[in-house]
Every structure is written in structure tokens, then in C-alpha cells.
Amino acid sequence: MPPRSGKHEHNGVLDDISKAIIEQLQQDGRRAYGTIGKAVGLSEAAVRQRVQKLIDSGVIQIVAVTDPTEVGFARQAMIGIRATGDLEPISDALAEMEEVDYVVITAGSFDLIAEVVCESDEHLLEVLSKRVRAIPGVTSTESFVYLRLRKQTYSWGVR
């Protein structure tokens, strides 16, 4: 019989222990594995192994969340993009841009939505005009410039 900590996914569905570990890390991404282990009933080593598997499989990433305006990026915007043809290559081109931190293919009035973080209005204009609109298949864009960040959270639970 495999160890309890070995099999945390079955057909892409997380087991309850992996979900509990994720919830612990959402509360504090720096929480000690020993502390998490006590909460979920596993050893520190088993938690470490689980977390590494969750990271390797792309289920979670552990990052420091910043307010871009506080770390030298004065201009943040969401860009709604209308396009023709296959959306995958367009989303790939957007994802490769250093300024783009979020890309989704959507249903609705836009085909894709991308969030960009720029140093200035001039930088945003350059990204929009010379890079985003230059991607083959992009037919139009609409920009939503952020004036103030009021809420940014990644603490939703798991199902």
C-alpha cells in the first residue's frame, strides 16, 4: 500500500489533505511545514513532499503579492482584446510579454483579457501600440487603467 502522502491527486481532483495544505498556505505562504503538518495530520516531511508535488504540477505557486504602484510600476491596466482566428497563439504571445502578469481567454465582448504592469503612461502606450496590437489576429483593444488598487486577494477556499 503506497504511503498516505504519496497520492494527492486522482484524475486531477485533489484529496482533502492537499486541499487542507493549500488552505493553510493561502492564509500564510510562509507557514512552517511542521505547523501545517500538525493542522492536517501529516509529518513535516510528508507536507514538504506534498507541497513540492503541488508546485511541480502547477496546482499552486508561492509568491509575494505586491501593490505594483509601491514597487516602481506607476501604471497598471487591464486590456480587453478582440481577435480573429485561433486564440491560443495570441494568448501565448501575450503571456511571453514581461509586462503581462495575467492572461485569460474569455467568453463575452472580449476574446482575451490581459493585465499589464508598466512603469509609466509612455511605457503602457508602447506595450499597447507596438506590441499587443502588433500580434497577428488582434483586431482591437480597450484599456482599463487602474487608478487605485482597493482589493487584491488570493485567499479563496478549495472545493
Protein backbone atom coordinates (compact mmCIF):
# COMPACT_ATOMS: atom_id res chain seq x y z
CA MET A 1 0.00 0.00 0.00
CA PRO A 2 1.51 3.40 -1.01
CA PRO A 3 2.23 5.94 1.73
CA ARG A 4 -0.64 8.26 2.60
CA SER A 5 1.29 11.30 1.44
CA GLY A 6 2.16 9.84 -1.96
CA LYS A 7 -1.12 10.03 -3.80
CA HIS A 8 -2.58 13.50 -3.54
CA GLU A 9 -4.35 13.62 -6.88
CA HIS A 10 -6.61 11.27 -8.74
CA ASN A 11 -7.82 12.34 -12.19
CA GLY A 12 -6.93 15.96 -11.43
CA VAL A 13 -9.03 16.03 -8.23
CA LEU A 14 -7.19 16.98 -5.06
CA ASP A 15 -7.71 14.92 -1.93
CA ASP A 16 -8.83 16.52 1.34
CA ILE A 17 -5.33 16.66 2.82
CA SER A 18 -3.91 18.53 -0.20
CA LYS A 19 -6.86 20.93 -0.02
CA ALA A 20 -6.19 21.49 3.70
CA ILE A 21 -2.50 22.18 2.96
CA ILE A 22 -3.47 24.68 0.25
CA GLU A 23 -5.82 26.47 2.65
CA GLN A 24 -3.03 26.70 5.24
CA LEU A 25 -0.67 28.21 2.64
CA GLN A 26 -3.33 30.66 1.43
CA GLN A 27 -3.55 32.03 4.97
CA ASP A 28 0.26 32.33 5.15
CA GLY A 29 2.55 31.30 2.30
CA ARG A 30 5.47 31.19 4.75
CA ARG A 31 3.80 28.91 7.31
CA ALA A 32 6.21 26.23 8.53
CA TYR A 33 5.70 22.69 7.21
CA GLY A 34 5.70 21.40 10.80
CA THR A 35 2.85 23.77 11.70
CA ILE A 36 0.90 22.73 8.59
CA GLY A 37 1.57 19.07 9.41
CA LYS A 38 0.05 19.44 12.88
CA ALA A 39 -3.05 21.05 11.34
CA VAL A 40 -3.56 18.39 8.65
CA GLY A 41 -2.24 15.28 10.43
CA LEU A 42 0.96 14.66 8.46
CA SER A 43 4.66 14.74 9.27
CA GLU A 44 6.74 17.77 8.29
CA ALA A 45 8.49 15.65 5.62
CA ALA A 46 5.16 14.48 4.16
CA VAL A 47 3.90 18.08 3.98
CA ARG A 48 7.14 19.18 2.27
CA GLN A 49 6.71 16.38 -0.31
CA ARG A 50 3.06 17.29 -0.90
CA VAL A 51 3.81 20.99 -1.34
CA GLN A 52 6.60 20.21 -3.82
CA LYS A 53 4.23 18.00 -5.84
CA LEU A 54 1.56 20.73 -5.82
CA ILE A 55 4.13 23.24 -7.06
CA ASP A 56 5.61 20.87 -9.69
CA SER A 57 2.16 20.02 -11.05
CA GLY A 58 1.21 23.73 -11.33
CA VAL A 59 -1.65 23.50 -8.81
CA ILE A 60 -0.04 26.18 -6.62
CA GLN A 61 2.69 28.76 -6.77
CA ILE A 62 4.05 30.56 -3.75
CA VAL A 63 4.75 34.23 -4.43
CA ALA A 64 4.96 37.57 -2.65
CA VAL A 65 1.98 39.68 -3.70
CA THR A 66 2.87 43.36 -4.12
CA ASP A 67 1.00 46.52 -4.96
CA PRO A 68 2.78 47.42 -8.23
CA THR A 69 2.49 51.16 -7.52
CA GLU A 70 4.56 50.66 -4.36
CA VAL A 71 7.45 48.94 -6.16
CA GLY A 72 8.07 51.34 -9.05
CA PHE A 73 5.31 50.46 -11.50
CA ALA A 74 3.12 53.53 -11.75
CA ARG A 75 0.68 52.27 -14.37
CA GLN A 76 -1.40 49.10 -14.22
CA ALA A 77 -4.18 48.32 -16.68
CA MET A 78 -6.50 45.59 -17.86
CA ILE A 79 -6.65 45.26 -21.64
CA GLY A 80 -9.70 43.77 -23.32
CA ILE A 81 -8.69 42.28 -26.68
CA ARG A 82 -10.86 41.35 -29.65
CA ALA A 83 -9.31 38.97 -32.14
CA THR A 84 -9.92 36.71 -35.10
CA GLY A 85 -8.77 33.16 -35.66
CA ASP A 86 -7.11 30.84 -33.16
CA LEU A 87 -6.80 32.49 -29.74
CA GLU A 88 -4.09 30.17 -28.39
CA PRO A 89 -1.16 31.74 -30.30
CA ILE A 90 -2.38 35.21 -29.30
CA SER A 91 -2.61 34.22 -25.63
CA ASP A 92 0.86 32.63 -25.87
CA ALA A 93 2.31 35.86 -27.37
CA LEU A 94 0.73 37.91 -24.59
CA ALA A 95 1.95 35.51 -21.88
CA GLU A 96 5.53 35.88 -23.16
CA MET A 97 5.50 39.65 -22.60
CA GLU A 98 7.36 40.70 -19.47
CA GLU A 99 4.75 43.39 -18.65
CA VAL A 100 1.82 40.96 -18.81
CA ASP A 101 1.09 39.24 -15.49
CA TYR A 102 -2.32 37.72 -16.27
CA VAL A 103 -3.94 36.40 -19.45
CA VAL A 104 -7.32 34.73 -19.90
CA ILE A 105 -9.32 33.61 -22.92
CA THR A 106 -12.87 34.73 -22.25
CA ALA A 107 -16.46 34.42 -23.41
CA GLY A 108 -18.19 37.74 -23.86
CA SER A 109 -17.43 41.01 -25.62
CA PHE A 110 -13.66 40.39 -25.45
CA ASP A 111 -11.86 37.31 -26.70
CA LEU A 112 -8.97 37.75 -24.27
CA ILE A 113 -8.18 39.88 -21.24
CA ALA A 114 -4.63 40.69 -20.17
CA GLU A 115 -3.36 42.63 -17.18
CA VAL A 116 -0.24 44.72 -17.71
CA VAL A 117 2.09 46.38 -15.23
CA CYS A 118 4.09 49.31 -16.65
CA GLU A 119 6.46 51.96 -15.36
CA SER A 120 4.62 54.91 -16.92
CA ASP A 121 1.90 56.01 -19.33
CA GLU A 122 4.59 56.11 -22.03
CA HIS A 123 5.55 52.51 -21.29
CA LEU A 124 1.86 51.45 -21.37
CA LEU A 125 1.40 53.19 -24.73
CA GLU A 126 4.45 51.39 -26.14
CA VAL A 127 3.21 47.99 -24.91
CA LEU A 128 -0.26 48.62 -26.36
CA SER A 129 0.65 50.20 -29.68
CA LYS A 130 3.84 48.45 -30.67
CA ARG A 131 3.39 45.03 -29.06
CA VAL A 132 -0.18 44.00 -28.20
CA ARG A 133 -1.80 45.49 -31.32
CA ALA A 134 1.03 44.07 -33.45
CA ILE A 135 0.14 40.47 -32.58
CA PRO A 136 -1.35 38.78 -35.66
CA GLY A 137 -5.09 38.27 -35.19
CA VAL A 138 -5.62 41.17 -32.76
CA THR A 139 -8.33 43.39 -34.22
CA SER A 140 -8.96 45.86 -31.38
CA THR A 141 -8.14 46.62 -27.76
CA GLU A 142 -9.83 48.50 -24.96
CA SER A 143 -7.79 49.58 -21.95
CA PHE A 144 -8.96 49.96 -18.39
CA VAL A 145 -6.32 51.93 -16.49
CA TYR A 146 -6.24 51.31 -12.74
CA LEU A 147 -6.47 54.42 -10.59
CA ARG A 148 -6.26 52.78 -7.16
CA LEU A 149 -5.85 49.17 -6.03
CA ARG A 150 -8.61 48.56 -3.48
CA LYS A 151 -8.53 44.79 -3.06
CA GLN A 152 -6.26 42.01 -4.23
CA THR A 153 -6.66 38.65 -2.56
CA TYR A 154 -5.85 35.04 -3.38
CA SER A 155 -7.41 33.52 -0.27
CA TRP A 156 -10.45 31.78 -1.78
CA GLY A 157 -11.02 28.29 -0.46
CA VAL A 158 -10.78 24.98 -2.29
CA ARG A 159 -13.61 22.74 -3.44
